[in-house]
Amino acid sequence: MISYNPGYQSIQKNLKHSTRQRFVTIEFTYPPADKEVEIIAHEAGVEQDIAHQLAVLGEKVRHLKASGLEEGVSTRLLIYAGELIRQGNRATARGDGRGHLVAHR
């Protein structure tokens, strides 16, 4: 078993065709939004509302590839953000009432 992210950070890291053909490829995508909210809430220990706001933010960032942001936001990164919020860092924990996170200190 190997884990490989094609094109991740450098095009020079691609595997040769002769190596790739020895493995079965399983492509993973992001979980559905409702499942991602559950994952973030459970793993980060935050309320559903905060988990939902983080999942929405992640979804929006993932759609910025056309704007030059090639790497999306992983569920793991959203969990880390949730953990920071739970620990008292409220810089991104407040919404503007329209479903958008706004930086507050």
Protein backbone atom coordinates (compact mmCIF):
# COMPACT_ATOMS: atom_id res chain seq x y z
CA MET A 1 0.00 0.00 0.00
CA ILE A 2 1.19 3.48 -0.83
CA SER A 3 -0.39 6.88 -0.47
CA TYR A 4 0.23 9.26 -3.31
CA ASN A 5 -1.20 12.67 -4.17
CA PRO A 6 -0.56 13.27 -7.89
CA GLY A 7 0.47 16.81 -8.70
CA TYR A 8 0.69 17.77 -5.02
CA GLN A 9 3.03 20.77 -4.65
CA SER A 10 5.29 19.74 -7.53
CA ILE A 11 4.80 18.25 -10.94
CA GLN A 12 8.19 16.58 -10.54
CA LYS A 13 6.78 14.12 -8.01
CA ASN A 14 4.70 12.15 -10.53
CA LEU A 15 5.26 8.41 -10.52
CA LYS A 16 6.52 6.70 -13.63
CA HIS A 17 3.85 4.86 -15.62
CA SER A 18 5.60 1.53 -15.00
CA THR A 19 5.32 2.11 -11.25
CA ARG A 20 1.72 3.38 -11.33
CA GLN A 21 0.46 0.35 -13.25
CA ARG A 22 1.40 -1.91 -10.32
CA PHE A 23 -1.21 -0.31 -8.07
CA VAL A 24 -4.96 0.09 -7.93
CA THR A 25 -6.09 3.70 -7.81
CA ILE A 26 -8.71 4.84 -5.34
CA GLU A 27 -9.66 8.46 -5.71
CA PHE A 28 -10.97 10.22 -2.61
CA THR A 29 -13.09 13.32 -2.63
CA TYR A 30 -14.36 15.53 0.16
CA PRO A 31 -17.26 14.17 2.21
CA PRO A 32 -20.78 15.48 1.54
CA ALA A 33 -21.46 18.77 3.37
CA ASP A 34 -23.73 17.25 6.03
CA LYS A 35 -21.19 14.49 6.77
CA GLU A 36 -18.34 17.00 6.91
CA VAL A 37 -20.28 19.04 9.48
CA GLU A 38 -20.68 15.88 11.61
CA ILE A 39 -16.98 15.07 11.30
CA ILE A 40 -15.86 18.59 12.23
CA ALA A 41 -18.27 18.81 15.17
CA HIS A 42 -17.23 15.42 16.54
CA GLU A 43 -13.48 15.62 15.97
CA ALA A 44 -13.04 19.29 16.96
CA GLY A 45 -15.59 19.23 19.78
CA VAL A 46 -17.48 22.28 18.53
CA GLU A 47 -21.18 23.07 18.21
CA GLN A 48 -22.99 22.10 15.01
CA ASP A 49 -23.36 25.79 14.07
CA ILE A 50 -19.60 26.39 14.17
CA ALA A 51 -18.95 23.11 12.34
CA HIS A 52 -21.45 24.14 9.66
CA GLN A 53 -19.82 27.55 9.21
CA LEU A 54 -16.40 25.91 8.87
CA ALA A 55 -17.73 23.37 6.33
CA VAL A 56 -19.31 26.19 4.28
CA LEU A 57 -16.03 28.12 4.37
CA GLY A 58 -14.14 25.00 3.25
CA GLU A 59 -16.56 24.49 0.36
CA LYS A 60 -16.13 28.10 -0.78
CA VAL A 61 -12.34 27.91 -0.66
CA ARG A 62 -12.38 24.66 -2.65
CA HIS A 63 -14.14 26.49 -5.47
CA LEU A 64 -11.32 29.04 -5.79
CA LYS A 65 -9.13 26.84 -8.01
CA ALA A 66 -10.02 28.99 -11.02
CA SER A 67 -8.82 32.03 -9.06
CA GLY A 68 -5.33 30.65 -8.52
CA LEU A 69 -5.79 28.77 -5.23
CA GLU A 70 -4.89 25.28 -6.42
CA GLU A 71 -5.14 23.41 -3.13
CA GLY A 72 -8.47 23.12 -1.40
CA VAL A 73 -9.07 23.18 2.33
CA SER A 74 -8.96 19.69 3.81
CA THR A 75 -11.44 18.42 6.36
CA ARG A 76 -8.43 17.95 8.66
CA LEU A 77 -7.60 21.68 8.41
CA LEU A 78 -11.22 22.57 9.20
CA ILE A 79 -11.02 20.31 12.26
CA TYR A 80 -7.86 22.11 13.39
CA ALA A 81 -9.64 25.45 12.96
CA GLY A 82 -12.53 24.10 15.02
CA GLU A 83 -10.13 23.01 17.76
CA LEU A 84 -8.64 26.52 17.87
CA ILE A 85 -12.12 27.98 18.18
CA ARG A 86 -13.01 25.52 20.95
CA GLN A 87 -9.82 26.48 22.80
CA GLY A 88 -10.87 30.10 22.88
CA ASN A 89 -9.49 31.60 19.69
CA ARG A 90 -12.62 33.39 18.54
CA ALA A 91 -10.97 35.20 15.63
CA THR A 92 -13.07 33.26 13.12
CA ALA A 93 -15.89 32.00 15.33
CA ARG A 94 -18.45 34.73 14.77
CA GLY A 95 -20.83 34.94 11.85
CA ASP A 96 -22.19 38.13 10.34
CA GLY A 97 -25.78 36.86 10.49
CA ARG A 98 -25.76 35.97 6.80
CA GLY A 99 -23.77 32.75 7.07
CA HIS A 100 -20.36 34.35 6.59
CA LEU A 101 -17.49 34.09 9.03
CA VAL A 102 -16.04 37.45 10.02
CA ALA A 103 -12.74 38.05 11.81
CA HIS A 104 -13.36 39.28 15.36
CA ARG A 105 -11.05 39.37 18.32
